[in-house]
Amino acid sequence: MGKMSRQKGKTGEREVAALLRKHGFAGQRGVQYQGGPDSADVTGLPGWHVEVKRTERMSIYPAMDQAADEKADHEKPVVFHRTNGSYWVAILDARDFLQLVSATVTRTA
């Protein structure tokens, strides 16, 4: 990975940490060099292992696999991604998404 790519990654991590703080969470850059459960790119989102991908082209499944492999047992993996000039999106397992929605939506059926 080149110097520009590393810088872009760090900038992305700072942006996601700021986004979390804007929404009331204690977002901050993680300690990636350790590997394992403490190596989330961004911390401060309880129950989630956050990986940040600030790239024009991303392979979703390898990114999700990385988050899943490095998460703690009590965490769920989530990948934040954006391209140049775009907004952040959160990518998560559909089962985790449906669990979140189920907790907030009243069903009529």
N, C-alpha and C. Protein backbone atom coordinates (compact mmCIF):
# COMPACT_ATOMS: atom_id res chain seq x y z
N MET A 1 0.84 -1.18 0.00
CA MET A 1 0.00 0.00 0.00
C MET A 1 0.89 1.24 0.00
N GLY A 2 0.61 2.15 -0.90
CA GLY A 2 1.41 3.35 -1.01
C GLY A 2 1.06 4.39 0.03
N LYS A 3 1.92 5.40 0.12
CA LYS A 3 1.73 6.47 1.11
C LYS A 3 0.40 7.19 0.90
N MET A 4 0.03 7.46 -0.35
CA MET A 4 -1.23 8.16 -0.63
C MET A 4 -2.43 7.31 -0.19
N SER A 5 -2.37 6.00 -0.43
CA SER A 5 -3.46 5.11 -0.02
C SER A 5 -3.60 5.08 1.50
N ARG A 6 -2.47 5.01 2.20
CA ARG A 6 -2.52 5.00 3.67
C ARG A 6 -3.10 6.31 4.19
N GLN A 7 -2.70 7.42 3.56
CA GLN A 7 -3.22 8.72 3.98
C GLN A 7 -4.72 8.81 3.74
N LYS A 8 -5.17 8.31 2.60
CA LYS A 8 -6.59 8.31 2.28
C LYS A 8 -7.36 7.46 3.28
N GLY A 9 -6.78 6.32 3.68
CA GLY A 9 -7.40 5.46 4.69
C GLY A 9 -7.52 6.15 6.03
N LYS A 10 -6.45 6.82 6.45
CA LYS A 10 -6.48 7.55 7.73
C LYS A 10 -7.52 8.66 7.70
N THR A 11 -7.58 9.36 6.58
CA THR A 11 -8.57 10.44 6.44
C THR A 11 -9.98 9.86 6.53
N GLY A 12 -10.21 8.73 5.89
CA GLY A 12 -11.52 8.08 5.96
C GLY A 12 -11.87 7.68 7.38
N GLU A 13 -10.90 7.15 8.11
CA GLU A 13 -11.15 6.76 9.50
C GLU A 13 -11.52 7.97 10.35
N ARG A 14 -10.83 9.08 10.13
CA ARG A 14 -11.15 10.31 10.88
C ARG A 14 -12.55 10.81 10.51
N GLU A 15 -12.93 10.70 9.24
CA GLU A 15 -14.26 11.13 8.80
C GLU A 15 -15.35 10.29 9.46
N VAL A 16 -15.15 8.98 9.50
CA VAL A 16 -16.16 8.09 10.11
C VAL A 16 -16.23 8.34 11.61
N ALA A 17 -15.09 8.52 12.25
CA ALA A 17 -15.09 8.84 13.69
C ALA A 17 -15.88 10.12 13.94
N ALA A 18 -15.68 11.13 13.10
CA ALA A 18 -16.42 12.39 13.24
C ALA A 18 -17.91 12.19 13.00
N LEU A 19 -18.26 11.35 12.03
CA LEU A 19 -19.66 11.04 11.75
C LEU A 19 -20.32 10.39 12.97
N LEU A 20 -19.61 9.46 13.60
CA LEU A 20 -20.15 8.82 14.80
C LEU A 20 -20.34 9.84 15.92
N ARG A 21 -19.35 10.70 16.11
CA ARG A 21 -19.46 11.72 17.15
C ARG A 21 -20.64 12.66 16.88
N LYS A 22 -20.85 13.01 15.61
CA LYS A 22 -21.96 13.88 15.23
C LYS A 22 -23.30 13.27 15.65
N HIS A 23 -23.35 11.95 15.71
CA HIS A 23 -24.58 11.24 16.06
C HIS A 23 -24.58 10.75 17.51
N GLY A 24 -23.69 11.30 18.32
CA GLY A 24 -23.72 11.04 19.75
C GLY A 24 -22.89 9.87 20.25
N PHE A 25 -22.08 9.29 19.39
CA PHE A 25 -21.22 8.18 19.80
C PHE A 25 -19.80 8.69 20.05
N ALA A 26 -19.01 7.90 20.75
CA ALA A 26 -17.63 8.29 21.10
C ALA A 26 -16.66 7.80 20.03
N GLY A 27 -16.86 8.20 18.79
CA GLY A 27 -16.03 7.73 17.68
C GLY A 27 -14.60 8.21 17.75
N GLN A 28 -13.67 7.27 17.56
CA GLN A 28 -12.25 7.61 17.45
C GLN A 28 -11.55 6.53 16.66
N ARG A 29 -10.40 6.88 16.08
CA ARG A 29 -9.63 5.90 15.31
C ARG A 29 -9.16 4.78 16.23
N GLY A 30 -9.14 3.57 15.70
CA GLY A 30 -8.74 2.41 16.48
C GLY A 30 -7.24 2.19 16.47
N VAL A 31 -6.85 1.02 16.96
CA VAL A 31 -5.44 0.63 17.07
C VAL A 31 -5.24 -0.56 16.13
N GLN A 32 -5.12 -0.27 14.83
CA GLN A 32 -5.11 -1.31 13.81
C GLN A 32 -3.90 -2.23 13.87
N TYR A 33 -2.79 -1.77 14.39
CA TYR A 33 -1.58 -2.58 14.32
C TYR A 33 -1.65 -3.83 15.19
N GLN A 34 -2.60 -3.92 16.10
CA GLN A 34 -2.66 -5.05 17.02
C GLN A 34 -3.27 -6.30 16.39
N GLY A 35 -4.20 -6.15 15.47
CA GLY A 35 -4.92 -7.28 14.92
C GLY A 35 -5.91 -7.80 15.94
N GLY A 36 -6.94 -8.53 15.49
CA GLY A 36 -7.90 -9.09 16.42
C GLY A 36 -8.97 -8.10 16.84
N PRO A 37 -9.69 -8.41 17.93
CA PRO A 37 -10.86 -7.64 18.34
C PRO A 37 -10.59 -6.17 18.62
N ASP A 38 -9.37 -5.81 18.99
CA ASP A 38 -9.06 -4.42 19.28
C ASP A 38 -8.60 -3.65 18.06
N SER A 39 -8.74 -4.24 16.88
CA SER A 39 -8.17 -3.62 15.70
C SER A 39 -9.19 -2.96 14.78
N ALA A 40 -10.35 -2.62 15.32
CA ALA A 40 -11.33 -1.92 14.48
C ALA A 40 -10.72 -0.62 13.97
N ASP A 41 -11.07 -0.23 12.76
CA ASP A 41 -10.57 1.03 12.22
C ASP A 41 -11.07 2.21 13.04
N VAL A 42 -12.32 2.10 13.48
CA VAL A 42 -12.93 3.14 14.31
C VAL A 42 -13.65 2.47 15.47
N THR A 43 -13.49 3.03 16.65
CA THR A 43 -14.17 2.51 17.84
C THR A 43 -15.23 3.52 18.30
N GLY A 44 -16.06 3.09 19.24
CA GLY A 44 -17.05 4.00 19.80
C GLY A 44 -18.47 3.71 19.38
N LEU A 45 -18.69 2.65 18.63
CA LEU A 45 -20.03 2.23 18.23
C LEU A 45 -20.28 0.89 18.93
N PRO A 46 -20.83 0.92 20.14
CA PRO A 46 -20.96 -0.29 20.96
C PRO A 46 -21.67 -1.43 20.24
N GLY A 47 -21.06 -2.61 20.31
CA GLY A 47 -21.63 -3.81 19.71
C GLY A 47 -21.26 -4.03 18.25
N TRP A 48 -20.47 -3.11 17.68
CA TRP A 48 -20.12 -3.19 16.26
C TRP A 48 -18.61 -3.11 16.09
N HIS A 49 -18.10 -3.89 15.15
CA HIS A 49 -16.69 -3.82 14.75
C HIS A 49 -16.67 -3.06 13.42
N VAL A 50 -16.12 -1.85 13.44
CA VAL A 50 -16.17 -0.95 12.29
C VAL A 50 -14.89 -1.03 11.47
N GLU A 51 -15.04 -1.38 10.20
CA GLU A 51 -13.96 -1.31 9.23
C GLU A 51 -14.30 -0.16 8.28
N VAL A 52 -13.29 0.59 7.86
CA VAL A 52 -13.49 1.74 6.98
C VAL A 52 -12.75 1.49 5.67
N LYS A 53 -13.45 1.66 4.58
CA LYS A 53 -12.87 1.51 3.25
C LYS A 53 -13.14 2.78 2.46
N ARG A 54 -12.11 3.54 2.23
CA ARG A 54 -12.20 4.81 1.50
C ARG A 54 -11.50 4.60 0.17
N THR A 55 -12.23 4.01 -0.77
CA THR A 55 -11.64 3.60 -2.03
C THR A 55 -12.66 3.70 -3.15
N GLU A 56 -12.17 3.85 -4.36
CA GLU A 56 -13.06 3.93 -5.52
C GLU A 56 -13.66 2.57 -5.87
N ARG A 57 -12.90 1.53 -5.65
CA ARG A 57 -13.37 0.17 -5.96
C ARG A 57 -13.16 -0.70 -4.73
N MET A 58 -14.23 -1.36 -4.33
CA MET A 58 -14.13 -2.20 -3.15
C MET A 58 -14.83 -3.53 -3.41
N SER A 59 -14.24 -4.57 -2.90
CA SER A 59 -14.86 -5.88 -2.91
C SER A 59 -15.57 -6.04 -1.57
N ILE A 60 -16.89 -6.05 -1.61
CA ILE A 60 -17.68 -6.04 -0.38
C ILE A 60 -17.42 -7.26 0.50
N TYR A 61 -17.43 -8.44 -0.07
CA TYR A 61 -17.33 -9.65 0.76
C TYR A 61 -15.98 -9.78 1.45
N PRO A 62 -14.86 -9.52 0.80
CA PRO A 62 -13.60 -9.54 1.55
C PRO A 62 -13.56 -8.50 2.67
N ALA A 63 -14.15 -7.33 2.44
CA ALA A 63 -14.19 -6.31 3.49
C ALA A 63 -15.04 -6.78 4.67
N MET A 64 -16.20 -7.37 4.39
CA MET A 64 -17.05 -7.90 5.45
C MET A 64 -16.37 -9.07 6.16
N ASP A 65 -15.68 -9.92 5.39
CA ASP A 65 -14.96 -11.05 6.00
C ASP A 65 -13.88 -10.54 6.95
N GLN A 66 -13.18 -9.47 6.57
CA GLN A 66 -12.15 -8.90 7.43
C GLN A 66 -12.78 -8.42 8.74
N ALA A 67 -13.89 -7.70 8.64
CA ALA A 67 -14.56 -7.20 9.85
C ALA A 67 -15.05 -8.37 10.71
N ALA A 68 -15.59 -9.40 10.07
CA ALA A 68 -16.10 -10.56 10.81
C ALA A 68 -14.96 -11.33 11.48
N ASP A 69 -13.84 -11.46 10.80
CA ASP A 69 -12.70 -12.20 11.35
C ASP A 69 -12.07 -11.48 12.53
N GLU A 70 -12.10 -10.15 12.53
CA GLU A 70 -11.42 -9.37 13.56
C GLU A 70 -12.32 -8.95 14.72
N LYS A 71 -13.62 -9.18 14.61
CA LYS A 71 -14.54 -8.71 15.63
C LYS A 71 -14.46 -9.56 16.91
N ALA A 72 -14.90 -8.98 18.00
CA ALA A 72 -15.02 -9.72 19.25
C ALA A 72 -16.32 -10.54 19.19
N ASP A 73 -16.46 -11.51 20.07
CA ASP A 73 -17.64 -12.39 20.06
C ASP A 73 -18.95 -11.62 20.20
N HIS A 74 -18.96 -10.55 20.97
CA HIS A 74 -20.19 -9.79 21.22
C HIS A 74 -20.47 -8.72 20.16
N GLU A 75 -19.61 -8.61 19.16
CA GLU A 75 -19.77 -7.57 18.14
C GLU A 75 -20.32 -8.12 16.84
N LYS A 76 -20.89 -7.23 16.07
CA LYS A 76 -21.34 -7.53 14.71
C LYS A 76 -20.47 -6.70 13.75
N PRO A 77 -20.14 -7.25 12.59
CA PRO A 77 -19.29 -6.53 11.64
C PRO A 77 -20.07 -5.51 10.82
N VAL A 78 -19.44 -4.36 10.57
CA VAL A 78 -20.01 -3.34 9.69
C VAL A 78 -18.85 -2.68 8.95
N VAL A 79 -19.07 -2.40 7.68
CA VAL A 79 -18.06 -1.73 6.85
C VAL A 79 -18.64 -0.39 6.41
N PHE A 80 -17.91 0.68 6.70
CA PHE A 80 -18.27 2.01 6.21
C PHE A 80 -17.45 2.24 4.94
N HIS A 81 -18.12 2.70 3.87
CA HIS A 81 -17.43 2.88 2.60
C HIS A 81 -17.90 4.17 1.93
N ARG A 82 -16.95 4.81 1.27
CA ARG A 82 -17.31 5.91 0.37
C ARG A 82 -16.25 6.07 -0.70
N THR A 83 -16.69 6.61 -1.82
CA THR A 83 -15.79 6.94 -2.92
C THR A 83 -15.58 8.45 -2.91
N ASN A 84 -14.69 8.94 -3.76
CA ASN A 84 -14.45 10.37 -3.87
C ASN A 84 -15.75 11.09 -4.21
N GLY A 85 -16.04 12.16 -3.51
CA GLY A 85 -17.20 12.98 -3.81
C GLY A 85 -18.52 12.35 -3.48
N SER A 86 -18.52 11.28 -2.70
CA SER A 86 -19.74 10.57 -2.38
C SER A 86 -19.98 10.61 -0.87
N TYR A 87 -21.07 10.03 -0.43
CA TYR A 87 -21.41 9.99 0.99
C TYR A 87 -21.08 8.61 1.56
N TRP A 88 -21.00 8.53 2.88
CA TRP A 88 -20.69 7.27 3.54
C TRP A 88 -21.90 6.34 3.52
N VAL A 89 -21.64 5.07 3.27
CA VAL A 89 -22.66 4.03 3.39
C VAL A 89 -22.15 3.00 4.40
N ALA A 90 -23.10 2.35 5.07
CA ALA A 90 -22.76 1.29 6.00
C ALA A 90 -23.23 -0.03 5.40
N ILE A 91 -22.33 -0.99 5.35
CA ILE A 91 -22.64 -2.30 4.77
C ILE A 91 -22.64 -3.31 5.91
N LEU A 92 -23.75 -4.02 6.05
CA LEU A 92 -23.83 -5.03 7.09
C LEU A 92 -24.60 -6.23 6.60
N ASP A 93 -24.46 -7.32 7.32
CA ASP A 93 -25.16 -8.56 7.01
C ASP A 93 -26.66 -8.28 7.05
N ALA A 94 -27.39 -8.79 6.08
CA ALA A 94 -28.84 -8.57 6.01
C ALA A 94 -29.54 -9.04 7.28
N ARG A 95 -29.05 -10.11 7.89
CA ARG A 95 -29.67 -10.59 9.14
C ARG A 95 -29.53 -9.57 10.25
N ASP A 96 -28.36 -8.92 10.33
CA ASP A 96 -28.16 -7.87 11.34
C ASP A 96 -29.05 -6.67 11.05
N PHE A 97 -29.17 -6.31 9.77
CA PHE A 97 -30.05 -5.21 9.38
C PHE A 97 -31.49 -5.50 9.78
N LEU A 98 -31.97 -6.70 9.47
CA LEU A 98 -33.36 -7.05 9.78
C LEU A 98 -33.60 -7.11 11.28
N GLN A 99 -32.60 -7.52 12.03
CA GLN A 99 -32.72 -7.51 13.49
C GLN A 99 -32.86 -6.07 14.00
N LEU A 100 -32.09 -5.15 13.45
CA LEU A 100 -32.22 -3.73 13.82
C LEU A 100 -33.59 -3.19 13.46
N VAL A 101 -34.04 -3.48 12.26
CA VAL A 101 -35.34 -2.99 11.81
C VAL A 101 -36.46 -3.59 12.65
N SER A 102 -36.36 -4.85 12.96
CA SER A 102 -37.39 -5.51 13.77
C SER A 102 -37.54 -4.86 15.13
N ALA A 103 -36.45 -4.33 15.66
CA ALA A 103 -36.50 -3.70 16.98
C ALA A 103 -37.11 -2.30 16.93
N THR A 104 -37.26 -1.73 15.74
CA THR A 104 -37.73 -0.35 15.64
C THR A 104 -39.03 -0.18 14.87
N VAL A 105 -39.53 -1.24 14.24
CA VAL A 105 -40.69 -1.12 13.38
C VAL A 105 -41.84 -1.95 13.97
N THR A 106 -43.04 -1.37 13.94
CA THR A 106 -44.24 -2.10 14.35
C THR A 106 -44.77 -2.82 13.12
N ARG A 107 -44.91 -4.10 13.24
CA ARG A 107 -45.41 -4.90 12.10
C ARG A 107 -46.91 -4.93 12.09
N THR A 108 -47.50 -4.93 10.90
CA THR A 108 -48.94 -4.96 10.77
C THR A 108 -49.47 -6.34 10.44
N ALA A 109 -48.60 -7.23 10.01
CA ALA A 109 -49.05 -8.57 9.60
C ALA A 109 -49.12 -9.52 10.77
